[in-house]
Amino acid sequence: MIITLSLMSLMSLVAGTSLACAAQRLPAYAVSFEQWGGTLFVSGLALLGAALPQIC
């Protein structure tokens, strides 16, 4: 369970960061990429927070 939450958190953080970086290269899709990137980044942090009590 901990490994699953950790991997989901890591994938969400990486995907959110990647979309935020891609927004600079594609100005036509910048708003959409930034919104999705922010949502994925916050979701990754929430998943990481959910995994922390099980780790400690």
PDB file of N, CA and C in Angstrom:
ATOM      1  N   MET A   1       0.823  -1.194   0.000  1.00  0.00           N
ATOM      2  CA  MET A   1       0.000   0.000   0.000  1.00  0.00           C
ATOM      3  C   MET A   1       0.869   1.261   0.000  1.00  0.00           C
ATOM      4  N   ILE A   2       1.913   1.250   0.806  1.00  0.00           N
ATOM      5  CA  ILE A   2       2.787   2.416   0.880  1.00  0.00           C
ATOM      6  C   ILE A   2       3.502   2.628  -0.447  1.00  0.00           C
ATOM      7  N   ILE A   3       3.940   1.530  -1.052  1.00  0.00           N
ATOM      8  CA  ILE A   3       4.656   1.647  -2.332  1.00  0.00           C
ATOM      9  C   ILE A   3       3.724   2.184  -3.406  1.00  0.00           C
ATOM     10  N   THR A   4       2.483   1.741  -3.399  1.00  0.00           N
ATOM     11  CA  THR A   4       1.521   2.212  -4.391  1.00  0.00           C
ATOM     12  C   THR A   4       1.271   3.710  -4.241  1.00  0.00           C
ATOM     13  N   LEU A   5       1.053   4.160  -3.005  1.00  0.00           N
ATOM     14  CA  LEU A   5       0.832   5.596  -2.783  1.00  0.00           C
ATOM     15  C   LEU A   5       2.064   6.403  -3.146  1.00  0.00           C
ATOM     16  N   SER A   6       3.227   5.885  -2.820  1.00  0.00           N
ATOM     17  CA  SER A   6       4.462   6.601  -3.137  1.00  0.00           C
ATOM     18  C   SER A   6       4.669   6.719  -4.640  1.00  0.00           C
ATOM     19  N   LEU A   7       4.425   5.627  -5.365  1.00  0.00           N
ATOM     20  CA  LEU A   7       4.585   5.668  -6.824  1.00  0.00           C
ATOM     21  C   LEU A   7       3.554   6.577  -7.481  1.00  0.00           C
ATOM     22  N   MET A   8       2.327   6.532  -6.998  1.00  0.00           N
ATOM     23  CA  MET A   8       1.302   7.415  -7.553  1.00  0.00           C
ATOM     24  C   MET A   8       1.658   8.870  -7.274  1.00  0.00           C
ATOM     25  N   SER A   9       2.166   9.138  -6.096  1.00  0.00           N
ATOM     26  CA  SER A   9       2.577  10.497  -5.753  1.00  0.00           C
ATOM     27  C   SER A   9       3.711  10.963  -6.646  1.00  0.00           C
ATOM     28  N   LEU A  10       4.705  10.112  -6.817  1.00  0.00           N
ATOM     29  CA  LEU A  10       5.853  10.469  -7.653  1.00  0.00           C
ATOM     30  C   LEU A  10       5.442  10.698  -9.101  1.00  0.00           C
ATOM     31  N   MET A  11       4.600   9.828  -9.641  1.00  0.00           N
ATOM     32  CA  MET A  11       4.153   9.998 -11.026  1.00  0.00           C
ATOM     33  C   MET A  11       3.343  11.281 -11.190  1.00  0.00           C
ATOM     34  N   SER A  12       2.508  11.599 -10.221  1.00  0.00           N
ATOM     35  CA  SER A  12       1.702  12.810 -10.299  1.00  0.00           C
ATOM     36  C   SER A  12       2.571  14.058 -10.212  1.00  0.00           C
ATOM     37  N   LEU A  13       3.562  14.051  -9.327  1.00  0.00           N
ATOM     38  CA  LEU A  13       4.466  15.194  -9.213  1.00  0.00           C
ATOM     39  C   LEU A  13       5.268  15.400 -10.493  1.00  0.00           C
ATOM     40  N   VAL A  14       5.764  14.309 -11.072  1.00  0.00           N
ATOM     41  CA  VAL A  14       6.555  14.403 -12.306  1.00  0.00           C
ATOM     42  C   VAL A  14       5.681  14.878 -13.468  1.00  0.00           C
ATOM     43  N   ALA A  15       4.469  14.345 -13.564  1.00  0.00           N
ATOM     44  CA  ALA A  15       3.577  14.754 -14.651  1.00  0.00           C
ATOM     45  C   ALA A  15       3.189  16.224 -14.515  1.00  0.00           C
ATOM     46  N   GLY A  16       2.913  16.666 -13.303  1.00  0.00           N
ATOM     47  CA  GLY A  16       2.560  18.072 -13.088  1.00  0.00           C
ATOM     48  C   GLY A  16       3.705  19.005 -13.422  1.00  0.00           C
ATOM     49  N   THR A  17       4.904  18.633 -13.010  1.00  0.00           N
ATOM     50  CA  THR A  17       6.072  19.455 -13.316  1.00  0.00           C
ATOM     51  C   THR A  17       6.348  19.478 -14.814  1.00  0.00           C
ATOM     52  N   SER A  18       6.192  18.329 -15.464  1.00  0.00           N
ATOM     53  CA  SER A  18       6.428  18.259 -16.912  1.00  0.00           C
ATOM     54  C   SER A  18       5.445  19.140 -17.679  1.00  0.00           C
ATOM     55  N   LEU A  19       4.188  19.105 -17.281  1.00  0.00           N
ATOM     56  CA  LEU A  19       3.198  19.945 -17.956  1.00  0.00           C
ATOM     57  C   LEU A  19       3.476  21.427 -17.725  1.00  0.00           C
ATOM     58  N   ALA A  20       3.906  21.775 -16.536  1.00  0.00           N
ATOM     59  CA  ALA A  20       4.221  23.181 -16.265  1.00  0.00           C
ATOM     60  C   ALA A  20       5.409  23.645 -17.107  1.00  0.00           C
ATOM     61  N   CYS A  21       6.391  22.771 -17.298  1.00  0.00           N
ATOM     62  CA  CYS A  21       7.541  23.115 -18.148  1.00  0.00           C
ATOM     63  C   CYS A  21       7.151  23.171 -19.622  1.00  0.00           C
ATOM     64  N   ALA A  22       6.247  22.281 -20.044  1.00  0.00           N
ATOM     65  CA  ALA A  22       5.808  22.266 -21.438  1.00  0.00           C
ATOM     66  C   ALA A  22       4.976  23.496 -21.781  1.00  0.00           C
ATOM     67  N   ALA A  23       4.360  24.104 -20.780  1.00  0.00           N
ATOM     68  CA  ALA A  23       3.533  25.283 -21.022  1.00  0.00           C
ATOM     69  C   ALA A  23       4.361  26.439 -21.569  1.00  0.00           C
ATOM     70  N   GLN A  24       5.628  26.489 -21.223  1.00  0.00           N
ATOM     71  CA  GLN A  24       6.486  27.558 -21.728  1.00  0.00           C
ATOM     72  C   GLN A  24       6.794  27.375 -23.208  1.00  0.00           C
ATOM     73  N   ARG A  25       6.828  26.139 -23.667  1.00  0.00           N
ATOM     74  CA  ARG A  25       7.195  25.866 -25.065  1.00  0.00           C
ATOM     75  C   ARG A  25       6.013  25.964 -26.018  1.00  0.00           C
ATOM     76  N   LEU A  26       4.818  25.757 -25.510  1.00  0.00           N
ATOM     77  CA  LEU A  26       3.619  25.791 -26.348  1.00  0.00           C
ATOM     78  C   LEU A  26       2.659  26.854 -25.819  1.00  0.00           C
ATOM     79  N   PRO A  27       2.847  28.107 -26.216  1.00  0.00           N
ATOM     80  CA  PRO A  27       2.025  29.184 -25.657  1.00  0.00           C
ATOM     81  C   PRO A  27       0.531  29.052 -25.960  1.00  0.00           C
ATOM     82  N   ALA A  28       0.186  28.353 -27.039  1.00  0.00           N
ATOM     83  CA  ALA A  28      -1.229  28.208 -27.381  1.00  0.00           C
ATOM     84  C   ALA A  28      -1.971  27.356 -26.343  1.00  0.00           C
ATOM     85  N   TYR A  29      -1.261  26.444 -25.703  1.00  0.00           N
ATOM     86  CA  TYR A  29      -1.862  25.556 -24.709  1.00  0.00           C
ATOM     87  C   TYR A  29      -1.399  25.881 -23.294  1.00  0.00           C
ATOM     88  N   ALA A  30      -0.803  27.023 -23.086  1.00  0.00           N
ATOM     89  CA  ALA A  30      -0.178  27.351 -21.805  1.00  0.00           C
ATOM     90  C   ALA A  30      -1.171  27.329 -20.647  1.00  0.00           C
ATOM     91  N   VAL A  31      -2.332  27.918 -20.824  1.00  0.00           N
ATOM     92  CA  VAL A  31      -3.303  27.989 -19.728  1.00  0.00           C
ATOM     93  C   VAL A  31      -3.768  26.585 -19.343  1.00  0.00           C
ATOM     94  N   SER A  32      -4.093  25.784 -20.332  1.00  0.00           N
ATOM     95  CA  SER A  32      -4.554  24.426 -20.059  1.00  0.00           C
ATOM     96  C   SER A  32      -3.464  23.589 -19.402  1.00  0.00           C
ATOM     97  N   PHE A  33      -2.242  23.682 -19.917  1.00  0.00           N
ATOM     98  CA  PHE A  33      -1.133  22.916 -19.341  1.00  0.00           C
ATOM     99  C   PHE A  33      -0.848  23.346 -17.911  1.00  0.00           C
ATOM    100  N   GLU A  34      -0.914  24.642 -17.642  1.00  0.00           N
ATOM    101  CA  GLU A  34      -0.651  25.123 -16.284  1.00  0.00           C
ATOM    102  C   GLU A  34      -1.737  24.680 -15.315  1.00  0.00           C
ATOM    103  N   GLN A  35      -2.979  24.666 -15.763  1.00  0.00           N
ATOM    104  CA  GLN A  35      -4.066  24.207 -14.892  1.00  0.00           C
ATOM    105  C   GLN A  35      -3.924  22.719 -14.572  1.00  0.00           C
ATOM    106  N   TRP A  36      -3.706  21.904 -15.604  1.00  0.00           N
ATOM    107  CA  TRP A  36      -3.537  20.465 -15.385  1.00  0.00           C
ATOM    108  C   TRP A  36      -2.268  20.177 -14.594  1.00  0.00           C
ATOM    109  N   GLY A  37      -1.204  20.901 -14.879  1.00  0.00           N
ATOM    110  CA  GLY A  37       0.043  20.706 -14.150  1.00  0.00           C
ATOM    111  C   GLY A  37      -0.108  21.031 -12.675  1.00  0.00           C
ATOM    112  N   GLY A  38      -0.787  22.125 -12.382  1.00  0.00           N
ATOM    113  CA  GLY A  38      -1.024  22.491 -10.986  1.00  0.00           C
ATOM    114  C   GLY A  38      -1.897  21.487 -10.266  1.00  0.00           C
ATOM    115  N   THR A  39      -2.930  21.005 -10.946  1.00  0.00           N
ATOM    116  CA  THR A  39      -3.817  20.007 -10.348  1.00  0.00           C
ATOM    117  C   THR A  39      -3.062  18.721 -10.049  1.00  0.00           C
ATOM    118  N   LEU A  40      -2.260  18.265 -10.998  1.00  0.00           N
ATOM    119  CA  LEU A  40      -1.491  17.045 -10.778  1.00  0.00           C
ATOM    120  C   LEU A  40      -0.448  17.223  -9.684  1.00  0.00           C
ATOM    121  N   PHE A  41       0.178  18.394  -9.629  1.00  0.00           N
ATOM    122  CA  PHE A  41       1.187  18.643  -8.604  1.00  0.00           C
ATOM    123  C   PHE A  41       0.569  18.623  -7.205  1.00  0.00           C
ATOM    124  N   VAL A  42      -0.568  19.295  -7.051  1.00  0.00           N
ATOM    125  CA  VAL A  42      -1.247  19.314  -5.756  1.00  0.00           C
ATOM    126  C   VAL A  42      -1.749  17.918  -5.388  1.00  0.00           C
ATOM    127  N   SER A  43      -2.225  17.170  -6.376  1.00  0.00           N
ATOM    128  CA  SER A  43      -2.663  15.796  -6.114  1.00  0.00           C
ATOM    129  C   SER A  43      -1.499  14.932  -5.642  1.00  0.00           C
ATOM    130  N   GLY A  44      -0.340  15.141  -6.245  1.00  0.00           N
ATOM    131  CA  GLY A  44       0.844  14.396  -5.828  1.00  0.00           C
ATOM    132  C   GLY A  44       1.235  14.714  -4.402  1.00  0.00           C
ATOM    133  N   LEU A  45       1.140  15.977  -4.023  1.00  0.00           N
ATOM    134  CA  LEU A  45       1.439  16.349  -2.645  1.00  0.00           C
ATOM    135  C   LEU A  45       0.416  15.752  -1.671  1.00  0.00           C
ATOM    136  N   ALA A  46      -0.846  15.700  -2.078  1.00  0.00           N
ATOM    137  CA  ALA A  46      -1.878  15.104  -1.223  1.00  0.00           C
ATOM    138  C   ALA A  46      -1.638  13.608  -1.048  1.00  0.00           C
ATOM    139  N   LEU A  47      -1.258  12.932  -2.127  1.00  0.00           N
ATOM    140  CA  LEU A  47      -0.955  11.504  -2.018  1.00  0.00           C
ATOM    141  C   LEU A  47       0.260  11.259  -1.138  1.00  0.00           C
ATOM    142  N   LEU A  48       1.244  12.122  -1.248  1.00  0.00           N
ATOM    143  CA  LEU A  48       2.425  12.003  -0.397  1.00  0.00           C
ATOM    144  C   LEU A  48       2.043  12.208   1.066  1.00  0.00           C
ATOM    145  N   GLY A  49       1.178  13.166   1.329  1.00  0.00           N
ATOM    146  CA  GLY A  49       0.701  13.396   2.686  1.00  0.00           C
ATOM    147  C   GLY A  49      -0.094  12.218   3.229  1.00  0.00           C
ATOM    148  N   ALA A  50      -0.822  11.535   2.344  1.00  0.00           N
ATOM    149  CA  ALA A  50      -1.569  10.358   2.782  1.00  0.00           C
ATOM    150  C   ALA A  50      -0.644   9.195   3.102  1.00  0.00           C
ATOM    151  N   ALA A  51       0.487   9.131   2.450  1.00  0.00           N
ATOM    152  CA  ALA A  51       1.424   8.027   2.674  1.00  0.00           C
ATOM    153  C   ALA A  51       2.290   8.248   3.909  1.00  0.00           C
ATOM    154  N   LEU A  52       2.502   9.485   4.318  1.00  0.00           N
ATOM    155  CA  LEU A  52       3.387   9.769   5.439  1.00  0.00           C
ATOM    156  C   LEU A  52       2.974   9.115   6.753  1.00  0.00           C
ATOM    157  N   PRO A  53       1.698   9.125   7.158  1.00  0.00           N
ATOM    158  CA  PRO A  53       1.354   8.466   8.413  1.00  0.00           C
ATOM    159  C   PRO A  53       1.637   6.962   8.410  1.00  0.00           C
ATOM    160  N   GLN A  54       1.569   6.345   7.248  1.00  0.00           N
ATOM    161  CA  GLN A  54       1.833   4.913   7.177  1.00  0.00           C
ATOM    162  C   GLN A  54       3.327   4.617   7.236  1.00  0.00           C
ATOM    163  N   ILE A  55       4.135   5.577   6.824  1.00  0.00           N
ATOM    164  CA  ILE A  55       5.585   5.390   6.856  1.00  0.00           C
ATOM    165  C   ILE A  55       6.115   5.546   8.274  1.00  0.00           C
ATOM    166  N   CYS A  56       5.589   6.532   8.987  1.00  0.00           N
ATOM    167  CA  CYS A  56       6.099   6.837  10.343  1.00  0.00           C
ATOM    168  C   CYS A  56       5.546   5.940  11.392  1.00  0.00           C
TER     169      CYS A  56
END
